[in-house]
Amino acid sequence: MKGLIKTTYNRYDGKLGYCMIPKRLSIKGKAHKVFENLLKQDFTAEKKNIKCCTDFTYTHLFNGSLRYNCLILDLYDRSIAATKTTNYLTTDLAIETLNEALGVTILLDQVKFK
């Protein structure tokens, strides 16, 4: 029956004033916080450890699972300051990678978020 309805609709589309209401593909949620663009597309640095960028990527493994990688890139010489890989994409991955880049060893149980 769905095929017949679609065929009939397409035949009379626009002639009788009918219009199709598009189906929404996603649910609108709260807008996330927009941060200021501090680098302003200037990806050069005069000294080491002044400007860094981060990247999250995922890799498909042969067994079908995913691994998530976070790395921090120093823009002075394009060297990798730190990298971490886990099974899940969480804020802990970003925090641990940043702490590794800064040379900080801290227990995540001691960190409190607001």
N, C-alpha and C. Protein backbone atom coordinates (compact mmCIF):
# COMPACT_ATOMS: atom_id res chain seq x y z
N MET A 1 0.82 -1.20 0.00
CA MET A 1 0.00 0.00 0.00
C MET A 1 0.86 1.26 0.00
N LYS A 2 2.01 1.21 0.68
CA LYS A 2 2.85 2.40 0.74
C LYS A 2 3.33 2.80 -0.65
N GLY A 3 3.64 1.80 -1.49
CA GLY A 3 4.09 2.09 -2.85
C GLY A 3 3.02 2.79 -3.66
N LEU A 4 1.76 2.36 -3.51
CA LEU A 4 0.64 2.96 -4.23
C LEU A 4 0.42 4.40 -3.78
N ILE A 5 0.50 4.64 -2.49
CA ILE A 5 0.33 6.00 -1.97
C ILE A 5 1.43 6.91 -2.50
N LYS A 6 2.66 6.44 -2.51
CA LYS A 6 3.78 7.24 -2.99
C LYS A 6 3.62 7.53 -4.48
N THR A 7 3.21 6.53 -5.26
CA THR A 7 3.02 6.73 -6.70
C THR A 7 1.91 7.74 -6.96
N THR A 8 0.81 7.63 -6.24
CA THR A 8 -0.30 8.56 -6.40
C THR A 8 0.12 9.97 -6.00
N TYR A 9 0.85 10.09 -4.90
CA TYR A 9 1.32 11.40 -4.45
C TYR A 9 2.22 12.03 -5.51
N ASN A 10 3.17 11.25 -6.04
CA ASN A 10 4.09 11.80 -7.03
C ASN A 10 3.36 12.22 -8.31
N ARG A 11 2.29 11.54 -8.67
CA ARG A 11 1.54 11.89 -9.88
C ARG A 11 0.84 13.24 -9.72
N TYR A 12 0.29 13.51 -8.53
CA TYR A 12 -0.46 14.74 -8.31
C TYR A 12 0.33 15.81 -7.56
N ASP A 13 1.61 15.61 -7.39
CA ASP A 13 2.45 16.55 -6.64
C ASP A 13 2.39 17.94 -7.27
N GLY A 14 1.99 18.91 -6.53
CA GLY A 14 1.95 20.28 -7.00
C GLY A 14 0.66 20.66 -7.71
N LYS A 15 -0.07 19.71 -8.25
CA LYS A 15 -1.29 20.02 -9.00
C LYS A 15 -2.46 20.30 -8.08
N LEU A 16 -2.50 19.63 -6.95
CA LEU A 16 -3.63 19.80 -6.04
C LEU A 16 -3.26 20.60 -4.79
N GLY A 17 -2.05 21.14 -4.78
CA GLY A 17 -1.62 21.94 -3.64
C GLY A 17 -1.09 21.13 -2.47
N TYR A 18 -0.88 19.83 -2.68
CA TYR A 18 -0.32 18.99 -1.62
C TYR A 18 1.17 19.28 -1.48
N CYS A 19 1.65 19.16 -0.28
CA CYS A 19 3.10 19.25 -0.08
C CYS A 19 3.48 18.24 0.99
N MET A 20 4.67 17.71 0.85
CA MET A 20 5.15 16.69 1.78
C MET A 20 5.88 17.36 2.94
N ILE A 21 5.60 16.93 4.14
CA ILE A 21 6.31 17.44 5.31
C ILE A 21 7.56 16.58 5.49
N PRO A 22 8.75 17.19 5.40
CA PRO A 22 9.97 16.38 5.52
C PRO A 22 10.14 15.82 6.92
N LYS A 23 10.64 14.61 6.99
CA LYS A 23 10.89 13.96 8.27
C LYS A 23 12.19 14.49 8.85
N ARG A 24 12.16 14.85 10.11
CA ARG A 24 13.38 15.33 10.77
C ARG A 24 14.33 14.17 11.00
N LEU A 25 15.60 14.40 10.70
CA LEU A 25 16.59 13.34 10.85
C LEU A 25 17.22 13.32 12.24
N SER A 26 17.11 14.42 12.95
CA SER A 26 17.69 14.46 14.29
C SER A 26 16.80 15.29 15.20
N ILE A 27 17.01 15.13 16.48
CA ILE A 27 16.26 15.87 17.49
C ILE A 27 17.10 17.05 17.94
N LYS A 28 16.49 18.23 17.93
CA LYS A 28 17.22 19.41 18.36
C LYS A 28 17.42 19.36 19.87
N GLY A 29 18.64 19.66 20.29
CA GLY A 29 18.95 19.68 21.71
C GLY A 29 19.45 21.06 22.11
N LYS A 30 20.01 21.13 23.30
CA LYS A 30 20.58 22.39 23.76
C LYS A 30 21.83 22.71 22.95
N ALA A 31 22.01 23.97 22.63
CA ALA A 31 23.21 24.39 21.91
C ALA A 31 24.40 24.30 22.85
N HIS A 32 25.52 23.87 22.31
CA HIS A 32 26.72 23.76 23.14
C HIS A 32 27.40 25.12 23.25
N LYS A 33 28.28 25.24 24.19
CA LYS A 33 28.99 26.49 24.43
C LYS A 33 29.98 26.74 23.29
N VAL A 34 30.00 27.95 22.76
CA VAL A 34 30.91 28.32 21.69
C VAL A 34 32.08 29.07 22.32
N PHE A 35 33.29 28.56 22.07
CA PHE A 35 34.48 29.16 22.64
C PHE A 35 35.13 30.12 21.66
N GLU A 36 35.85 31.09 22.19
CA GLU A 36 36.54 32.08 21.36
C GLU A 36 37.67 31.41 20.57
N ASN A 37 37.87 31.85 19.33
CA ASN A 37 38.93 31.34 18.47
C ASN A 37 40.23 32.06 18.83
N LEU A 38 41.02 31.46 19.71
CA LEU A 38 42.23 32.12 20.19
C LEU A 38 43.35 32.11 19.15
N LEU A 39 43.43 31.09 18.32
CA LEU A 39 44.51 31.01 17.33
C LEU A 39 44.25 31.87 16.10
N LYS A 40 43.01 32.11 15.77
CA LYS A 40 42.62 32.90 14.61
C LYS A 40 43.35 32.45 13.34
N GLN A 41 43.38 31.13 13.13
CA GLN A 41 43.98 30.49 11.96
C GLN A 41 45.49 30.70 11.84
N ASP A 42 46.14 31.17 12.89
CA ASP A 42 47.61 31.32 12.89
C ASP A 42 48.20 30.08 13.55
N PHE A 43 48.59 29.11 12.74
CA PHE A 43 49.08 27.83 13.25
C PHE A 43 50.61 27.79 13.27
N THR A 44 51.23 28.90 13.63
CA THR A 44 52.68 28.95 13.79
C THR A 44 52.99 29.41 15.21
N ALA A 45 54.15 29.01 15.71
CA ALA A 45 54.56 29.40 17.06
C ALA A 45 56.05 29.74 17.03
N GLU A 46 56.44 30.73 17.81
CA GLU A 46 57.84 31.16 17.87
C GLU A 46 58.66 30.30 18.81
N LYS A 47 58.01 29.73 19.82
CA LYS A 47 58.71 28.90 20.80
C LYS A 47 57.92 27.62 21.03
N LYS A 48 58.61 26.62 21.57
CA LYS A 48 57.99 25.33 21.87
C LYS A 48 57.03 25.48 23.06
N ASN A 49 55.97 24.71 23.05
CA ASN A 49 54.96 24.66 24.12
C ASN A 49 54.20 25.97 24.32
N ILE A 50 54.06 26.76 23.26
CA ILE A 50 53.28 27.99 23.34
C ILE A 50 51.88 27.77 22.77
N LYS A 51 51.81 27.14 21.59
CA LYS A 51 50.53 26.86 20.94
C LYS A 51 50.44 25.37 20.64
N CYS A 52 49.28 24.80 20.97
CA CYS A 52 49.04 23.38 20.71
C CYS A 52 47.64 23.20 20.13
N CYS A 53 47.48 22.14 19.38
CA CYS A 53 46.17 21.74 18.85
C CYS A 53 45.90 20.32 19.29
N THR A 54 44.64 19.96 19.32
CA THR A 54 44.27 18.60 19.67
C THR A 54 43.42 18.00 18.56
N ASP A 55 43.43 16.69 18.47
CA ASP A 55 42.65 15.99 17.45
C ASP A 55 42.13 14.69 18.04
N PHE A 56 40.86 14.40 17.78
CA PHE A 56 40.26 13.13 18.15
C PHE A 56 39.99 12.36 16.86
N THR A 57 40.36 11.11 16.83
CA THR A 57 40.09 10.27 15.67
C THR A 57 39.74 8.87 16.13
N TYR A 58 39.13 8.11 15.27
CA TYR A 58 38.79 6.73 15.62
C TYR A 58 39.30 5.79 14.54
N THR A 59 39.56 4.56 14.93
CA THR A 59 40.08 3.54 14.03
C THR A 59 39.22 2.29 14.16
N HIS A 60 38.84 1.72 13.03
CA HIS A 60 38.12 0.44 13.02
C HIS A 60 39.14 -0.69 13.11
N LEU A 61 38.95 -1.60 14.04
CA LEU A 61 39.82 -2.76 14.16
C LEU A 61 39.24 -3.92 13.35
N PHE A 62 40.06 -4.94 13.12
CA PHE A 62 39.63 -6.09 12.33
C PHE A 62 38.47 -6.84 12.97
N ASN A 63 38.37 -6.79 14.30
CA ASN A 63 37.27 -7.50 14.98
C ASN A 63 35.97 -6.68 15.00
N GLY A 64 35.97 -5.51 14.36
CA GLY A 64 34.77 -4.69 14.26
C GLY A 64 34.63 -3.64 15.33
N SER A 65 35.50 -3.64 16.33
CA SER A 65 35.40 -2.65 17.40
C SER A 65 36.10 -1.36 16.99
N LEU A 66 35.87 -0.32 17.77
CA LEU A 66 36.48 0.98 17.52
C LEU A 66 37.48 1.30 18.61
N ARG A 67 38.52 2.01 18.26
CA ARG A 67 39.48 2.57 19.23
C ARG A 67 39.53 4.07 18.97
N TYR A 68 39.49 4.85 20.04
CA TYR A 68 39.52 6.31 19.94
C TYR A 68 40.89 6.82 20.36
N ASN A 69 41.42 7.76 19.58
CA ASN A 69 42.74 8.31 19.86
C ASN A 69 42.63 9.82 20.00
N CYS A 70 43.29 10.35 21.01
CA CYS A 70 43.39 11.79 21.21
C CYS A 70 44.86 12.14 21.18
N LEU A 71 45.24 13.14 20.39
CA LEU A 71 46.63 13.57 20.40
C LEU A 71 46.71 15.08 20.51
N ILE A 72 47.81 15.53 21.07
CA ILE A 72 48.08 16.95 21.21
C ILE A 72 49.33 17.26 20.40
N LEU A 73 49.20 18.22 19.48
CA LEU A 73 50.25 18.57 18.53
C LEU A 73 50.83 19.93 18.90
N ASP A 74 52.15 20.00 19.06
CA ASP A 74 52.83 21.27 19.31
C ASP A 74 53.02 21.97 17.96
N LEU A 75 52.53 23.20 17.84
CA LEU A 75 52.56 23.90 16.56
C LEU A 75 53.93 24.50 16.23
N TYR A 76 54.86 24.48 17.15
CA TYR A 76 56.20 25.01 16.86
C TYR A 76 56.91 24.14 15.84
N ASP A 77 57.02 22.84 16.12
CA ASP A 77 57.73 21.94 15.22
C ASP A 77 56.85 20.78 14.75
N ARG A 78 55.53 20.89 14.97
CA ARG A 78 54.57 19.87 14.58
C ARG A 78 54.86 18.50 15.21
N SER A 79 55.43 18.51 16.38
CA SER A 79 55.70 17.25 17.09
C SER A 79 54.48 16.88 17.94
N ILE A 80 54.34 15.60 18.21
CA ILE A 80 53.23 15.13 19.04
C ILE A 80 53.66 15.22 20.50
N ALA A 81 52.96 16.06 21.25
CA ALA A 81 53.29 16.25 22.66
C ALA A 81 52.76 15.10 23.51
N ALA A 82 51.61 14.55 23.14
CA ALA A 82 51.02 13.44 23.89
C ALA A 82 49.98 12.75 23.04
N THR A 83 49.78 11.47 23.30
CA THR A 83 48.73 10.71 22.62
C THR A 83 48.22 9.61 23.54
N LYS A 84 46.92 9.38 23.50
CA LYS A 84 46.28 8.33 24.29
C LYS A 84 45.23 7.65 23.42
N THR A 85 45.06 6.35 23.62
CA THR A 85 44.07 5.56 22.89
C THR A 85 43.24 4.76 23.88
N THR A 86 41.91 4.79 23.71
CA THR A 86 41.01 4.04 24.59
C THR A 86 39.88 3.41 23.79
N ASN A 87 39.06 2.63 24.49
CA ASN A 87 37.90 2.00 23.86
C ASN A 87 36.70 2.93 23.76
N TYR A 88 36.67 3.99 24.58
CA TYR A 88 35.52 4.87 24.64
C TYR A 88 35.96 6.32 24.48
N LEU A 89 35.14 7.12 23.82
CA LEU A 89 35.40 8.54 23.65
C LEU A 89 34.75 9.28 24.81
N THR A 90 35.57 9.68 25.78
CA THR A 90 35.06 10.35 26.98
C THR A 90 35.91 11.58 27.27
N THR A 91 35.44 12.39 28.21
CA THR A 91 36.23 13.54 28.62
C THR A 91 37.49 13.11 29.34
N ASP A 92 37.45 11.93 29.98
CA ASP A 92 38.65 11.42 30.65
C ASP A 92 39.80 11.24 29.66
N LEU A 93 39.49 10.83 28.44
CA LEU A 93 40.52 10.67 27.41
C LEU A 93 41.20 12.01 27.13
N ALA A 94 40.43 13.07 27.00
CA ALA A 94 40.99 14.40 26.75
C ALA A 94 41.81 14.89 27.95
N ILE A 95 41.30 14.68 29.15
CA ILE A 95 41.99 15.14 30.36
C ILE A 95 43.30 14.39 30.54
N GLU A 96 43.28 13.07 30.37
CA GLU A 96 44.50 12.28 30.53
C GLU A 96 45.55 12.65 29.49
N THR A 97 45.13 12.91 28.26
CA THR A 97 46.07 13.31 27.21
C THR A 97 46.68 14.67 27.52
N LEU A 98 45.86 15.60 27.98
CA LEU A 98 46.36 16.92 28.35
C LEU A 98 47.33 16.83 29.51
N ASN A 99 47.00 16.03 30.52
CA ASN A 99 47.90 15.86 31.66
C ASN A 99 49.22 15.24 31.23
N GLU A 100 49.17 14.29 30.30
CA GLU A 100 50.41 13.69 29.80
C GLU A 100 51.26 14.72 29.06
N ALA A 101 50.61 15.59 28.30
CA ALA A 101 51.34 16.64 27.58
C ALA A 101 51.97 17.64 28.54
N LEU A 102 51.28 17.92 29.63
CA LEU A 102 51.79 18.87 30.62
C LEU A 102 52.75 18.23 31.60
N GLY A 103 52.84 16.90 31.58
CA GLY A 103 53.71 16.20 32.51
C GLY A 103 53.13 16.12 33.90
N VAL A 104 51.81 16.12 34.00
CA VAL A 104 51.12 16.10 35.29
C VAL A 104 50.62 14.69 35.56
N THR A 105 50.83 14.21 36.78
CA THR A 105 50.28 12.93 37.20
C THR A 105 49.27 13.21 38.30
N ILE A 106 47.98 12.98 38.01
CA ILE A 106 46.95 13.24 39.01
C ILE A 106 45.91 12.14 38.91
N LEU A 107 45.28 11.87 40.02
CA LEU A 107 44.22 10.87 40.04
C LEU A 107 42.91 11.53 39.64
N LEU A 108 42.17 10.91 38.72
CA LEU A 108 40.93 11.50 38.25
C LEU A 108 39.87 11.54 39.34
N ASP A 109 40.01 10.71 40.37
CA ASP A 109 39.05 10.74 41.47
C ASP A 109 39.16 12.05 42.26
N GLN A 110 40.31 12.71 42.17
CA GLN A 110 40.52 13.95 42.92
C GLN A 110 40.01 15.17 42.16
N VAL A 111 39.69 15.03 40.87
CA VAL A 111 39.23 16.15 40.06
C VAL A 111 37.74 16.32 40.26
N LYS A 112 37.31 17.55 40.50
CA LYS A 112 35.89 17.84 40.66
C LYS A 112 35.49 18.82 39.57
N PHE A 113 34.41 18.50 38.86
CA PHE A 113 33.92 19.34 37.78
C PHE A 113 32.68 20.08 38.25
N LYS A 114 32.49 21.26 37.73
CA LYS A 114 31.30 22.05 38.07
C LYS A 114 30.25 21.86 37.01
